[in-house]
Amino acid sequence: MRSPSFLRKRFFVPLLALCVSLTVSCQLETPPGDPLTVTTRLVTLLEDPSDDVRRTAALSLGKIGHAAGATALVQALSDPDSQVREYSAWALGQIGEEVSAPAVIGLVESLRDEHHAVKRAAARALGNVSPGQSMIALLTEALAVGPVGSRRAVVEALMQLEPKDAYFDLQKALTDSDPLVRQGALAALGELADRRALVDFRQRLLFDEDAGVRAEAAYRLGKLGDAEDVPTLELAANHDPTPTVRLWANWAKASITGEEGT
């Protein structure tokens, strides 16, 4: 069974072929086999007055994935068009570990974007770059004091990065007022595979008011727990008011005991 976590949904952006529209192809005179030259031309299109041209340029830069486009893509994270910002964040993620520190900072700042799609693209991109200590510090700060949309995006980024130094920050996030942040923090702690979190998983399963959080806790116990967690799972399987939580509790118990779930 797949995790109930909202974080398990895969972010997808259609990759447009290079020079896919007239807005781009008519302006490229160099063969697509020259990534650096094509990247240089595409960078100029990120300043085009047409939203469609800038969107296509950002997507094409992501398809090429050349580090020479990173600086312009960072600037495009402030574009007035939300899709340009979203595609620029995605493109930076495709460049990956070659991006510079300013690019990482720009992506962290994009976690505060007013548009959810931009936040998710930035979180995914951060998962593809090297998780240096300075970036983790920026993320955990945003997790502690950022607005709710940013906190949701941060826990997703931390789940992908799996930074062990963020354990206590994620643990604190389990008491966040937003249930999706709590669920994301559980998922991120689960990805760390740190057995200290088992106590937190049990508490969230039995006492969290949100069914999604309780289901996530059951799933994480099934992945990381042992015989000591079976009584907690049995209690949830028999008494939780939400059928989905009972289902995951039974699955987790079966995963630990090796018995067929009911």
C-alpha atoms as a PDB file:
ATOM      1  CA  MET A   1       0.000   0.000   0.000  1.00  0.00           C
ATOM      2  CA  ARG A   2       1.174   3.511  -0.725  1.00  0.00           C
ATOM      3  CA  SER A   3       1.636   6.171   1.902  1.00  0.00           C
ATOM      4  CA  PRO A   4      -1.464   8.265   2.696  1.00  0.00           C
ATOM      5  CA  SER A   5       0.756  11.319   2.721  1.00  0.00           C
ATOM      6  CA  PHE A   6      -0.109  14.232   0.486  1.00  0.00           C
ATOM      7  CA  LEU A   7       3.628  14.391  -0.056  1.00  0.00           C
ATOM      8  CA  ARG A   8       3.514  11.170  -2.063  1.00  0.00           C
ATOM      9  CA  LYS A   9       1.872  12.931  -4.992  1.00  0.00           C
ATOM     10  CA  ARG A  10       4.475  13.505  -7.647  1.00  0.00           C
ATOM     11  CA  PHE A  11       4.881  17.017  -8.983  1.00  0.00           C
ATOM     12  CA  PHE A  12       4.741  16.933 -12.806  1.00  0.00           C
ATOM     13  CA  VAL A  13       5.503  19.577 -15.385  1.00  0.00           C
ATOM     14  CA  PRO A  14       5.231  18.654 -19.069  1.00  0.00           C
ATOM     15  CA  LEU A  15       8.608  18.985 -20.724  1.00  0.00           C
ATOM     16  CA  LEU A  16       8.229  20.966 -23.921  1.00  0.00           C
ATOM     17  CA  ALA A  17      10.581  20.100 -26.717  1.00  0.00           C
ATOM     18  CA  LEU A  18      13.234  22.686 -27.390  1.00  0.00           C
ATOM     19  CA  CYS A  19      11.982  25.304 -29.851  1.00  0.00           C
ATOM     20  CA  VAL A  20       8.484  23.915 -29.442  1.00  0.00           C
ATOM     21  CA  SER A  21       6.659  27.033 -30.573  1.00  0.00           C
ATOM     22  CA  LEU A  22       7.216  29.799 -33.036  1.00  0.00           C
ATOM     23  CA  THR A  23       7.817  32.181 -30.177  1.00  0.00           C
ATOM     24  CA  VAL A  24      11.040  30.339 -29.482  1.00  0.00           C
ATOM     25  CA  SER A  25      11.984  28.493 -32.660  1.00  0.00           C
ATOM     26  CA  CYS A  26      11.944  31.571 -34.826  1.00  0.00           C
ATOM     27  CA  GLN A  27      14.533  33.187 -32.574  1.00  0.00           C
ATOM     28  CA  LEU A  28      17.004  30.305 -32.380  1.00  0.00           C
ATOM     29  CA  GLU A  29      19.497  30.132 -35.200  1.00  0.00           C
ATOM     30  CA  THR A  30      21.906  27.680 -33.593  1.00  0.00           C
ATOM     31  CA  PRO A  31      21.456  23.907 -33.696  1.00  0.00           C
ATOM     32  CA  PRO A  32      19.871  22.366 -30.585  1.00  0.00           C
ATOM     33  CA  GLY A  33      22.960  20.213 -30.156  1.00  0.00           C
ATOM     34  CA  ASP A  34      24.882  23.179 -28.698  1.00  0.00           C
ATOM     35  CA  PRO A  35      23.472  23.422 -25.135  1.00  0.00           C
ATOM     36  CA  LEU A  36      25.501  26.431 -24.005  1.00  0.00           C
ATOM     37  CA  THR A  37      24.656  28.557 -27.044  1.00  0.00           C
ATOM     38  CA  VAL A  38      20.989  27.601 -26.970  1.00  0.00           C
ATOM     39  CA  THR A  39      20.865  28.289 -23.228  1.00  0.00           C
ATOM     40  CA  THR A  40      22.307  31.756 -23.844  1.00  0.00           C
ATOM     41  CA  ARG A  41      19.614  32.492 -26.411  1.00  0.00           C
ATOM     42  CA  LEU A  42      16.843  31.167 -24.170  1.00  0.00           C
ATOM     43  CA  VAL A  43      18.037  33.323 -21.279  1.00  0.00           C
ATOM     44  CA  THR A  44      17.263  36.442 -23.332  1.00  0.00           C
ATOM     45  CA  LEU A  45      13.716  35.177 -23.862  1.00  0.00           C
ATOM     46  CA  LEU A  46      13.098  35.188 -20.116  1.00  0.00           C
ATOM     47  CA  GLU A  47      12.814  38.982 -20.481  1.00  0.00           C
ATOM     48  CA  ASP A  48      10.369  38.833 -23.394  1.00  0.00           C
ATOM     49  CA  PRO A  49       7.156  40.866 -22.885  1.00  0.00           C
ATOM     50  CA  SER A  50       5.047  37.802 -23.742  1.00  0.00           C
ATOM     51  CA  ASP A  51       4.139  35.540 -20.813  1.00  0.00           C
ATOM     52  CA  ASP A  52       3.951  32.553 -23.158  1.00  0.00           C
ATOM     53  CA  VAL A  53       7.466  33.153 -24.469  1.00  0.00           C
ATOM     54  CA  ARG A  54       8.897  33.439 -20.963  1.00  0.00           C
ATOM     55  CA  ARG A  55       7.082  30.280 -19.856  1.00  0.00           C
ATOM     56  CA  THR A  56       8.378  28.310 -22.829  1.00  0.00           C
ATOM     57  CA  ALA A  57      11.888  29.646 -22.299  1.00  0.00           C
ATOM     58  CA  ALA A  58      11.887  28.562 -18.654  1.00  0.00           C
ATOM     59  CA  LEU A  59      10.652  25.081 -19.532  1.00  0.00           C
ATOM     60  CA  SER A  60      13.212  24.745 -22.311  1.00  0.00           C
ATOM     61  CA  LEU A  61      16.009  25.828 -19.976  1.00  0.00           C
ATOM     62  CA  GLY A  62      14.920  23.099 -17.591  1.00  0.00           C
ATOM     63  CA  LYS A  63      14.952  20.533 -20.383  1.00  0.00           C
ATOM     64  CA  ILE A  64      18.530  21.491 -21.281  1.00  0.00           C
ATOM     65  CA  GLY A  65      19.601  21.722 -17.624  1.00  0.00           C
ATOM     66  CA  HIS A  66      22.730  23.782 -18.291  1.00  0.00           C
ATOM     67  CA  ALA A  67      24.154  25.693 -15.318  1.00  0.00           C
ATOM     68  CA  ALA A  68      24.615  28.781 -17.495  1.00  0.00           C
ATOM     69  CA  GLY A  69      20.889  29.422 -17.235  1.00  0.00           C
ATOM     70  CA  ALA A  70      20.772  29.417 -13.427  1.00  0.00           C
ATOM     71  CA  THR A  71      21.324  33.130 -12.787  1.00  0.00           C
ATOM     72  CA  ALA A  72      18.556  34.186 -15.167  1.00  0.00           C
ATOM     73  CA  LEU A  73      16.208  31.560 -13.755  1.00  0.00           C
ATOM     74  CA  VAL A  74      16.799  32.882 -10.241  1.00  0.00           C
ATOM     75  CA  GLN A  75      15.774  36.335 -11.451  1.00  0.00           C
ATOM     76  CA  ALA A  76      12.717  34.791 -13.091  1.00  0.00           C
ATOM     77  CA  LEU A  77      11.584  33.537  -9.694  1.00  0.00           C
ATOM     78  CA  SER A  78      10.347  37.112  -9.236  1.00  0.00           C
ATOM     79  CA  ASP A  79       8.520  37.227 -12.586  1.00  0.00           C
ATOM     80  CA  PRO A  80       5.031  38.791 -12.404  1.00  0.00           C
ATOM     81  CA  ASP A  81       3.568  35.670 -14.042  1.00  0.00           C
ATOM     82  CA  SER A  82       3.092  32.800 -11.593  1.00  0.00           C
ATOM     83  CA  GLN A  83       3.659  30.114 -14.227  1.00  0.00           C
ATOM     84  CA  VAL A  84       6.974  31.637 -15.209  1.00  0.00           C
ATOM     85  CA  ARG A  85       7.973  31.517 -11.544  1.00  0.00           C
ATOM     86  CA  GLU A  86       6.781  27.923 -11.258  1.00  0.00           C
ATOM     87  CA  TYR A  87       8.610  26.749 -14.383  1.00  0.00           C
ATOM     88  CA  SER A  88      11.757  28.643 -13.398  1.00  0.00           C
ATOM     89  CA  ALA A  89      11.822  26.891 -10.033  1.00  0.00           C
ATOM     90  CA  TRP A  90      11.314  23.556 -11.758  1.00  0.00           C
ATOM     91  CA  ALA A  91      14.119  24.360 -14.220  1.00  0.00           C
ATOM     92  CA  LEU A  92      16.537  25.130 -11.391  1.00  0.00           C
ATOM     93  CA  GLY A  93      15.741  21.731  -9.969  1.00  0.00           C
ATOM     94  CA  GLN A  94      16.666  20.148 -13.301  1.00  0.00           C
ATOM     95  CA  ILE A  95      20.058  21.859 -13.158  1.00  0.00           C
ATOM     96  CA  GLY A  96      20.448  20.212  -9.771  1.00  0.00           C
ATOM     97  CA  GLU A  97      23.645  20.281  -7.742  1.00  0.00           C
ATOM     98  CA  GLU A  98      25.361  22.686 -10.139  1.00  0.00           C
ATOM     99  CA  VAL A  99      23.203  25.614  -8.996  1.00  0.00           C
ATOM    100  CA  SER A 100      24.824  28.318  -6.906  1.00  0.00           C
ATOM    101  CA  ALA A 101      24.072  29.474  -3.375  1.00  0.00           C
ATOM    102  CA  PRO A 102      21.964  32.428  -4.649  1.00  0.00           C
ATOM    103  CA  ALA A 103      19.809  29.913  -6.515  1.00  0.00           C
ATOM    104  CA  VAL A 104      19.239  27.921  -3.333  1.00  0.00           C
ATOM    105  CA  ILE A 105      18.319  31.085  -1.449  1.00  0.00           C
ATOM    106  CA  GLY A 106      15.960  32.089  -4.244  1.00  0.00           C
ATOM    107  CA  LEU A 107      14.221  28.722  -4.092  1.00  0.00           C
ATOM    108  CA  VAL A 108      13.869  28.944  -0.313  1.00  0.00           C
ATOM    109  CA  GLU A 109      12.330  32.404  -0.700  1.00  0.00           C
ATOM    110  CA  SER A 110       9.936  30.976  -3.303  1.00  0.00           C
ATOM    111  CA  LEU A 111       8.512  28.753  -0.569  1.00  0.00           C
ATOM    112  CA  ARG A 112       6.737  31.943   0.535  1.00  0.00           C
ATOM    113  CA  ASP A 113       5.182  32.563  -2.899  1.00  0.00           C
ATOM    114  CA  GLU A 114       1.468  33.308  -2.857  1.00  0.00           C
ATOM    115  CA  HIS A 115       0.784  30.568  -5.421  1.00  0.00           C
ATOM    116  CA  HIS A 116       0.769  26.973  -4.219  1.00  0.00           C
ATOM    117  CA  ALA A 117       2.163  25.596  -7.511  1.00  0.00           C
ATOM    118  CA  VAL A 118       5.230  27.817  -7.178  1.00  0.00           C
ATOM    119  CA  LYS A 119       5.805  26.632  -3.600  1.00  0.00           C
ATOM    120  CA  ARG A 120       5.595  22.992  -4.667  1.00  0.00           C
ATOM    121  CA  ALA A 121       7.947  23.529  -7.605  1.00  0.00           C
ATOM    122  CA  ALA A 122      10.462  25.226  -5.319  1.00  0.00           C
ATOM    123  CA  ALA A 123      10.219  22.432  -2.758  1.00  0.00           C
ATOM    124  CA  ARG A 124      10.779  19.802  -5.445  1.00  0.00           C
ATOM    125  CA  ALA A 125      13.714  21.747  -6.849  1.00  0.00           C
ATOM    126  CA  LEU A 126      15.323  21.996  -3.427  1.00  0.00           C
ATOM    127  CA  GLY A 127      15.132  18.231  -3.239  1.00  0.00           C
ATOM    128  CA  ASN A 128      17.420  18.014  -6.272  1.00  0.00           C
ATOM    129  CA  VAL A 129      20.190  20.304  -5.050  1.00  0.00           C
ATOM    130  CA  SER A 130      22.946  19.654  -2.535  1.00  0.00           C
ATOM    131  CA  PRO A 131      21.558  20.130   1.009  1.00  0.00           C
ATOM    132  CA  GLY A 132      24.252  22.346   2.487  1.00  0.00           C
ATOM    133  CA  GLN A 133      24.042  23.481   6.085  1.00  0.00           C
ATOM    134  CA  SER A 134      23.145  27.039   5.135  1.00  0.00           C
ATOM    135  CA  MET A 135      20.181  25.849   3.099  1.00  0.00           C
ATOM    136  CA  ILE A 136      18.934  23.553   5.861  1.00  0.00           C
ATOM    137  CA  ALA A 137      19.154  26.470   8.298  1.00  0.00           C
ATOM    138  CA  LEU A 138      17.040  28.612   5.966  1.00  0.00           C
ATOM    139  CA  LEU A 139      14.483  25.848   5.614  1.00  0.00           C
ATOM    140  CA  THR A 140      14.158  25.156   9.324  1.00  0.00           C
ATOM    141  CA  GLU A 141      13.798  28.866  10.015  1.00  0.00           C
ATOM    142  CA  ALA A 142      10.962  29.048   7.498  1.00  0.00           C
ATOM    143  CA  LEU A 143       9.401  25.990   9.130  1.00  0.00           C
ATOM    144  CA  ALA A 144       9.410  27.724  12.490  1.00  0.00           C
ATOM    145  CA  VAL A 145       8.158  31.185  11.554  1.00  0.00           C
ATOM    146  CA  GLY A 146       6.863  31.123   7.964  1.00  0.00           C
ATOM    147  CA  PRO A 147       3.227  31.358   6.866  1.00  0.00           C
ATOM    148  CA  VAL A 148       1.283  28.129   6.599  1.00  0.00           C
ATOM    149  CA  GLY A 149       1.823  27.678   2.866  1.00  0.00           C
ATOM    150  CA  SER A 150       5.557  28.011   3.286  1.00  0.00           C
ATOM    151  CA  ARG A 151       5.607  25.604   6.216  1.00  0.00           C
ATOM    152  CA  ARG A 152       3.828  22.994   4.112  1.00  0.00           C
ATOM    153  CA  ALA A 153       6.359  23.426   1.316  1.00  0.00           C
ATOM    154  CA  VAL A 154       9.286  23.282   3.732  1.00  0.00           C
ATOM    155  CA  VAL A 155       8.304  19.920   5.194  1.00  0.00           C
ATOM    156  CA  GLU A 156       8.030  18.551   1.670  1.00  0.00           C
ATOM    157  CA  ALA A 157      11.507  19.819   0.838  1.00  0.00           C
ATOM    158  CA  LEU A 158      12.908  18.365   4.065  1.00  0.00           C
ATOM    159  CA  MET A 159      11.284  15.017   3.324  1.00  0.00           C
ATOM    160  CA  GLN A 160      13.149  14.859   0.024  1.00  0.00           C
ATOM    161  CA  LEU A 161      16.444  16.158   1.382  1.00  0.00           C
ATOM    162  CA  GLU A 162      16.388  13.893   4.464  1.00  0.00           C
ATOM    163  CA  PRO A 163      18.726  16.087   6.541  1.00  0.00           C
ATOM    164  CA  LYS A 164      19.372  14.385   9.855  1.00  0.00           C
ATOM    165  CA  ASP A 165      20.194  17.743  11.464  1.00  0.00           C
ATOM    166  CA  ALA A 166      16.553  18.765  10.992  1.00  0.00           C
ATOM    167  CA  TYR A 167      15.225  16.035  13.306  1.00  0.00           C
ATOM    168  CA  PHE A 168      14.354  18.288  16.244  1.00  0.00           C
ATOM    169  CA  ASP A 169      12.871  20.994  14.002  1.00  0.00           C
ATOM    170  CA  LEU A 170      10.606  18.413  12.406  1.00  0.00           C
ATOM    171  CA  GLN A 171       9.686  17.076  15.814  1.00  0.00           C
ATOM    172  CA  LYS A 172       8.605  20.561  16.899  1.00  0.00           C
ATOM    173  CA  ALA A 173       6.496  20.821  13.738  1.00  0.00           C
ATOM    174  CA  LEU A 174       4.391  17.894  14.961  1.00  0.00           C
ATOM    175  CA  THR A 175       2.543  20.404  17.138  1.00  0.00           C
ATOM    176  CA  ASP A 176       1.961  22.862  14.291  1.00  0.00           C
ATOM    177  CA  SER A 177      -1.552  24.286  14.137  1.00  0.00           C
ATOM    178  CA  ASP A 178      -1.924  23.161  10.509  1.00  0.00           C
ATOM    179  CA  PRO A 179      -2.666  19.438  10.030  1.00  0.00           C
ATOM    180  CA  LEU A 180      -0.899  19.243   6.662  1.00  0.00           C
ATOM    181  CA  VAL A 181       2.279  20.584   8.237  1.00  0.00           C
ATOM    182  CA  ARG A 182       2.001  17.975  11.006  1.00  0.00           C
ATOM    183  CA  GLN A 183       1.404  15.229   8.454  1.00  0.00           C
ATOM    184  CA  GLY A 184       4.326  16.418   6.360  1.00  0.00           C
ATOM    185  CA  ALA A 185       6.573  16.514   9.413  1.00  0.00           C
ATOM    186  CA  LEU A 186       5.622  12.922  10.215  1.00  0.00           C
ATOM    187  CA  ALA A 187       6.450  11.880   6.674  1.00  0.00           C
ATOM    188  CA  ALA A 188       9.786  13.706   6.774  1.00  0.00           C
ATOM    189  CA  LEU A 189      10.681  12.094  10.104  1.00  0.00           C
ATOM    190  CA  GLY A 190       9.750   8.736   8.645  1.00  0.00           C
ATOM    191  CA  GLU A 191      12.120   9.275   5.738  1.00  0.00           C
ATOM    192  CA  LEU A 192      14.930   9.942   8.228  1.00  0.00           C
ATOM    193  CA  ALA A 193      14.340   6.411   9.589  1.00  0.00           C
ATOM    194  CA  ASP A 194      15.290   7.621  13.063  1.00  0.00           C
ATOM    195  CA  ARG A 195      13.695   5.291  15.581  1.00  0.00           C
ATOM    196  CA  ARG A 196      13.523   8.053  18.175  1.00  0.00           C
ATOM    197  CA  ALA A 197      10.481   9.262  16.246  1.00  0.00           C
ATOM    198  CA  LEU A 198       8.482   6.112  17.052  1.00  0.00           C
ATOM    199  CA  VAL A 199       7.229   7.691  20.270  1.00  0.00           C
ATOM    200  CA  ASP A 200       5.951  10.667  18.298  1.00  0.00           C
ATOM    201  CA  PHE A 201       4.294   8.396  15.738  1.00  0.00           C
ATOM    202  CA  ARG A 202       2.419   6.577  18.502  1.00  0.00           C
ATOM    203  CA  GLN A 203       1.256   9.811  20.113  1.00  0.00           C
ATOM    204  CA  ARG A 204       0.055  11.268  16.814  1.00  0.00           C
ATOM    205  CA  LEU A 205      -1.774   8.042  15.955  1.00  0.00           C
ATOM    206  CA  LEU A 206      -3.690   7.990  19.220  1.00  0.00           C
ATOM    207  CA  PHE A 207      -4.216  11.653  19.980  1.00  0.00           C
ATOM    208  CA  ASP A 208      -4.003  13.874  16.884  1.00  0.00           C
ATOM    209  CA  GLU A 209      -7.355  15.372  15.977  1.00  0.00           C
ATOM    210  CA  ASP A 210      -6.771  15.079  12.216  1.00  0.00           C
ATOM    211  CA  ALA A 211      -7.446  11.767  10.458  1.00  0.00           C
ATOM    212  CA  GLY A 212      -4.779  12.397   7.819  1.00  0.00           C
ATOM    213  CA  VAL A 213      -2.139  12.833  10.488  1.00  0.00           C
ATOM    214  CA  ARG A 214      -3.269   9.684  12.285  1.00  0.00           C
ATOM    215  CA  ALA A 215      -3.200   7.685   9.042  1.00  0.00           C
ATOM    216  CA  GLU A 216       0.310   8.941   8.293  1.00  0.00           C
ATOM    217  CA  ALA A 217       1.431   7.968  11.784  1.00  0.00           C
ATOM    218  CA  ALA A 218       0.059   4.448  11.321  1.00  0.00           C
ATOM    219  CA  TYR A 219       1.839   4.101   7.991  1.00  0.00           C
ATOM    220  CA  ARG A 220       5.140   5.266   9.467  1.00  0.00           C
ATOM    221  CA  LEU A 221       4.821   2.814  12.351  1.00  0.00           C
ATOM    222  CA  GLY A 222       4.288   0.052   9.815  1.00  0.00           C
ATOM    223  CA  LYS A 223       7.459   1.036   7.992  1.00  0.00           C
ATOM    224  CA  LEU A 224       9.714   1.654  10.988  1.00  0.00           C
ATOM    225  CA  GLY A 225       8.116   0.066  14.048  1.00  0.00           C
ATOM    226  CA  ASP A 226       8.432  -3.280  15.769  1.00  0.00           C
ATOM    227  CA  ALA A 227       6.498  -5.524  18.164  1.00  0.00           C
ATOM    228  CA  GLU A 228       6.450  -2.785  20.777  1.00  0.00           C
ATOM    229  CA  ASP A 229       4.175  -0.755  18.503  1.00  0.00           C
ATOM    230  CA  VAL A 230       1.602  -3.489  17.941  1.00  0.00           C
ATOM    231  CA  PRO A 231      -0.591  -2.624  20.978  1.00  0.00           C
ATOM    232  CA  THR A 232      -0.850   0.988  19.829  1.00  0.00           C
ATOM    233  CA  LEU A 233      -1.784  -0.118  16.327  1.00  0.00           C
ATOM    234  CA  GLU A 234      -4.373  -2.589  17.672  1.00  0.00           C
ATOM    235  CA  LEU A 235      -5.940   0.175  19.725  1.00  0.00           C
ATOM    236  CA  ALA A 236      -6.211   2.419  16.672  1.00  0.00           C
ATOM    237  CA  ALA A 237      -7.433  -0.425  14.453  1.00  0.00           C
ATOM    238  CA  ASN A 238     -10.254  -1.217  16.876  1.00  0.00           C
ATOM    239  CA  HIS A 239     -11.289   2.201  18.106  1.00  0.00           C
ATOM    240  CA  ASP A 240     -10.310   4.998  15.719  1.00  0.00           C
ATOM    241  CA  PRO A 241     -13.469   6.720  14.428  1.00  0.00           C
ATOM    242  CA  THR A 242     -12.147   7.015  10.854  1.00  0.00           C
ATOM    243  CA  PRO A 243     -12.186   3.936   8.576  1.00  0.00           C
ATOM    244  CA  THR A 244      -9.078   5.057   6.672  1.00  0.00           C
ATOM    245  CA  VAL A 245      -7.070   5.254   9.869  1.00  0.00           C
ATOM    246  CA  ARG A 246      -8.271   1.814  10.937  1.00  0.00           C
ATOM    247  CA  LEU A 247      -7.251   0.472   7.530  1.00  0.00           C
ATOM    248  CA  TRP A 248      -3.721   1.850   7.831  1.00  0.00           C
ATOM    249  CA  ALA A 249      -3.408   0.676  11.417  1.00  0.00           C
ATOM    250  CA  ASN A 250      -4.336  -2.862  10.370  1.00  0.00           C
ATOM    251  CA  TRP A 251      -1.883  -2.668   7.473  1.00  0.00           C
ATOM    252  CA  ALA A 252       0.894  -1.469   9.757  1.00  0.00           C
ATOM    253  CA  LYS A 253       0.214  -4.225  12.281  1.00  0.00           C
ATOM    254  CA  ALA A 254       0.346  -6.824   9.514  1.00  0.00           C
ATOM    255  CA  SER A 255       3.587  -5.347   8.217  1.00  0.00           C
ATOM    256  CA  ILE A 256       5.196  -5.747  11.635  1.00  0.00           C
ATOM    257  CA  THR A 257       3.800  -9.155  12.568  1.00  0.00           C
ATOM    258  CA  GLY A 258       3.877 -10.696   9.110  1.00  0.00           C
ATOM    259  CA  GLU A 259       0.212 -11.628   9.426  1.00  0.00           C
ATOM    260  CA  GLU A 260      -2.362 -10.912   6.788  1.00  0.00           C
ATOM    261  CA  GLY A 261      -4.198  -7.662   7.573  1.00  0.00           C
ATOM    262  CA  THR A 262      -7.936  -7.550   8.044  1.00  0.00           C
END
